[in-house]
C-alpha atoms as a PDB file:
ATOM      1  CA  UNK A   1      21.065  -0.661 -15.467  1.00  0.00           C
ATOM      2  CA  UNK A   2      18.359   0.069 -12.853  1.00  0.00           C
ATOM      3  CA  UNK A   3      14.826   0.704 -14.134  1.00  0.00           C
ATOM      4  CA  UNK A   4      13.461   4.258 -13.950  1.00  0.00           C
ATOM      5  CA  UNK A   5      10.667   4.879 -11.609  1.00  0.00           C
ATOM      6  CA  UNK A   6       8.298   5.374 -14.500  1.00  0.00           C
ATOM      7  CA  UNK A   7       9.245   2.032 -16.059  1.00  0.00           C
ATOM      8  CA  UNK A   8       8.873   0.260 -12.743  1.00  0.00           C
ATOM      9  CA  UNK A   9       5.321   1.615 -12.274  1.00  0.00           C
ATOM     10  CA  UNK A  10       4.413   0.747 -15.911  1.00  0.00           C
ATOM     11  CA  UNK A  11       5.734  -2.729 -15.384  1.00  0.00           C
ATOM     12  CA  UNK A  12       3.532  -3.184 -12.270  1.00  0.00           C
ATOM     13  CA  UNK A  13       0.321  -1.781 -13.818  1.00  0.00           C
ATOM     14  CA  UNK A  14      -0.710  -5.036 -15.621  1.00  0.00           C
ATOM     15  CA  UNK A  15      -0.577  -6.998 -12.382  1.00  0.00           C
ATOM     16  CA  UNK A  16      -3.032  -4.745 -10.524  1.00  0.00           C
ATOM     17  CA  UNK A  17      -6.582  -6.037 -10.355  1.00  0.00           C
ATOM     18  CA  UNK A  18      -9.770  -4.140  -9.678  1.00  0.00           C
ATOM     19  CA  UNK A  19      -9.721  -5.436  -6.046  1.00  0.00           C
ATOM     20  CA  UNK A  20      -6.174  -4.161  -5.706  1.00  0.00           C
ATOM     21  CA  UNK A  21      -7.277  -0.751  -6.935  1.00  0.00           C
ATOM     22  CA  UNK A  22     -10.073  -0.753  -4.285  1.00  0.00           C
ATOM     23  CA  UNK A  23      -7.528  -1.685  -1.570  1.00  0.00           C
ATOM     24  CA  UNK A  24      -5.126   1.089  -2.727  1.00  0.00           C
ATOM     25  CA  UNK A  25      -7.958   3.574  -2.586  1.00  0.00           C
ATOM     26  CA  UNK A  26      -9.003   2.425   0.962  1.00  0.00           C
ATOM     27  CA  UNK A  27      -5.459   2.808   2.128  1.00  0.00           C
ATOM     28  CA  UNK A  28      -5.212   6.213   0.438  1.00  0.00           C
ATOM     29  CA  UNK A  29      -8.353   7.168   2.300  1.00  0.00           C
ATOM     30  CA  UNK A  30      -7.602   5.625   5.750  1.00  0.00           C
ATOM     31  CA  UNK A  31      -3.819   5.449   5.706  1.00  0.00           C
ATOM     32  CA  UNK A  32      -3.618   2.133   7.755  1.00  0.00           C
ATOM     33  CA  UNK A  33      -5.660  -1.100   7.773  1.00  0.00           C
ATOM     34  CA  UNK A  34      -4.981  -4.408   9.496  1.00  0.00           C
ATOM     35  CA  UNK A  35      -4.999  -7.707   7.599  1.00  0.00           C
ATOM     36  CA  UNK A  36      -8.244  -8.622   9.330  1.00  0.00           C
ATOM     37  CA  UNK A  37      -9.932  -5.409   8.166  1.00  0.00           C
ATOM     38  CA  UNK A  38      -8.805  -5.879   4.557  1.00  0.00           C
ATOM     39  CA  UNK A  39      -9.891  -9.533   4.693  1.00  0.00           C
ATOM     40  CA  UNK A  40     -13.326  -8.690   5.850  1.00  0.00           C
ATOM     41  CA  UNK A  41     -13.802  -5.911   3.280  1.00  0.00           C
ATOM     42  CA  UNK A  42     -12.282  -7.482   0.108  1.00  0.00           C
ATOM     43  CA  UNK A  43     -11.647 -11.280   0.470  1.00  0.00           C
ATOM     44  CA  UNK A  44     -13.569 -14.402   1.170  1.00  0.00           C
ATOM     45  CA  UNK A  45     -10.609 -16.448   2.233  1.00  0.00           C
ATOM     46  CA  UNK A  46      -8.064 -15.196   4.805  1.00  0.00           C
ATOM     47  CA  UNK A  47      -5.195 -17.110   3.270  1.00  0.00           C
ATOM     48  CA  UNK A  48      -5.842 -15.644  -0.201  1.00  0.00           C
ATOM     49  CA  UNK A  49      -5.829 -12.201   1.467  1.00  0.00           C
ATOM     50  CA  UNK A  50      -2.543 -12.850   3.173  1.00  0.00           C
ATOM     51  CA  UNK A  51      -0.898 -14.197  -0.116  1.00  0.00           C
ATOM     52  CA  UNK A  52      -2.171 -11.224  -2.199  1.00  0.00           C
ATOM     53  CA  UNK A  53      -1.038  -8.628   0.463  1.00  0.00           C
ATOM     54  CA  UNK A  54       2.418 -10.214   0.280  1.00  0.00           C
ATOM     55  CA  UNK A  55       2.467 -10.111  -3.464  1.00  0.00           C
ATOM     56  CA  UNK A  56       1.460  -6.411  -3.424  1.00  0.00           C
ATOM     57  CA  UNK A  57       4.261  -5.660  -0.903  1.00  0.00           C
ATOM     58  CA  UNK A  58       6.746  -7.373  -3.125  1.00  0.00           C
ATOM     59  CA  UNK A  59       5.686  -5.093  -5.924  1.00  0.00           C
ATOM     60  CA  UNK A  60       6.255  -2.065  -3.662  1.00  0.00           C
ATOM     61  CA  UNK A  61       2.594  -1.115  -3.614  1.00  0.00           C
ATOM     62  CA  UNK A  62       2.157  -1.847   0.068  1.00  0.00           C
ATOM     63  CA  UNK A  63       4.299  -1.672   3.196  1.00  0.00           C
ATOM     64  CA  UNK A  64       3.513  -3.285   6.483  1.00  0.00           C
ATOM     65  CA  UNK A  65       4.456  -2.962  10.153  1.00  0.00           C
ATOM     66  CA  UNK A  66       3.419  -4.443  13.472  1.00  0.00           C
ATOM     67  CA  UNK A  67       3.950  -3.727  17.089  1.00  0.00           C
ATOM     68  CA  UNK A  68       5.209  -5.956  19.851  1.00  0.00           C
ATOM     69  CA  UNK A  69       2.764  -6.946  22.605  1.00  0.00           C
ATOM     70  CA  UNK A  70       3.553  -6.508  26.264  1.00  0.00           C
ATOM     71  CA  UNK A  71       4.424  -9.940  27.582  1.00  0.00           C
ATOM     72  CA  UNK A  72       5.431 -11.425  24.216  1.00  0.00           C
ATOM     73  CA  UNK A  73       4.038 -11.880  20.819  1.00  0.00           C
ATOM     74  CA  UNK A  74       2.958  -9.160  18.343  1.00  0.00           C
ATOM     75  CA  UNK A  75      -0.109  -7.300  17.203  1.00  0.00           C
ATOM     76  CA  UNK A  76      -1.516  -7.989  13.705  1.00  0.00           C
ATOM     77  CA  UNK A  77       0.135  -6.670  10.612  1.00  0.00           C
ATOM     78  CA  UNK A  78      -0.807  -3.169   9.697  1.00  0.00           C
ATOM     79  CA  UNK A  79      -0.787  -2.244   5.989  1.00  0.00           C
ATOM     80  CA  UNK A  80      -0.130   1.139   4.339  1.00  0.00           C
ATOM     81  CA  UNK A  81       0.641   2.370   0.838  1.00  0.00           C
ATOM     82  CA  UNK A  82       4.159   1.601  -0.263  1.00  0.00           C
ATOM     83  CA  UNK A  83       6.318   3.855  -2.518  1.00  0.00           C
ATOM     84  CA  UNK A  84       4.676   2.535  -5.703  1.00  0.00           C
ATOM     85  CA  UNK A  85       1.302   2.593  -4.111  1.00  0.00           C
ATOM     86  CA  UNK A  86       1.634   6.311  -3.427  1.00  0.00           C
ATOM     87  CA  UNK A  87       2.800   6.871  -6.924  1.00  0.00           C
ATOM     88  CA  UNK A  88      -0.061   4.786  -8.388  1.00  0.00           C
ATOM     89  CA  UNK A  89      -2.693   6.738  -6.310  1.00  0.00           C
ATOM     90  CA  UNK A  90      -1.119  10.087  -7.360  1.00  0.00           C
ATOM     91  CA  UNK A  91      -1.343   9.172 -11.052  1.00  0.00           C
ATOM     92  CA  UNK A  92      -4.886   7.876 -10.626  1.00  0.00           C
ATOM     93  CA  UNK A  93      -6.153  11.080  -9.084  1.00  0.00           C
ATOM     94  CA  UNK A  94      -3.882  13.495 -11.135  1.00  0.00           C
ATOM     95  CA  UNK A  95      -2.007  14.588  -8.088  1.00  0.00           C
ATOM     96  CA  UNK A  96       1.708  15.434  -7.846  1.00  0.00           C
ATOM     97  CA  UNK A  97       3.686  12.366  -6.748  1.00  0.00           C
ATOM     98  CA  UNK A  98       5.251  14.159  -3.917  1.00  0.00           C
ATOM     99  CA  UNK A  99       3.054  16.895  -2.604  1.00  0.00           C
ATOM    100  CA  UNK A 100       4.700  20.068  -1.606  1.00  0.00           C
ATOM    101  CA  UNK A 101       4.592  21.163   2.095  1.00  0.00           C
ATOM    102  CA  UNK A 102       2.973  24.600   2.056  1.00  0.00           C
ATOM    103  CA  UNK A 103       3.348  26.789   5.077  1.00  0.00           C
ATOM    104  CA  UNK A 104       6.497  25.078   6.278  1.00  0.00           C
ATOM    105  CA  UNK A 105       9.804  26.867   6.521  1.00  0.00           C
ATOM    106  CA  UNK A 106      13.171  25.266   6.893  1.00  0.00           C
ATOM    107  CA  UNK A 107      15.787  26.979   9.065  1.00  0.00           C
END
């Protein structure tokens, strides 16, 4: 039987550190940050940063994407809140999980 969303978030909560909370707040405020930006703000070692970002993505707290470069290769990973990250921030700030879209009409 699949876990409910509430159970999943409660199961994740003990794994979230104070630094993770700061990162979730930064992403809530800025929407997108690169690995390098996160590394410079919150971590001493780049590899530790990369490992932790991967762990938070596995927990569903973060999502990542990157763009291809013209001529080959790719730009750095860009990080944003994942589904559980949005839910965590909503709970932390006493906001609805899924805000309503006021002023929009569907036709």
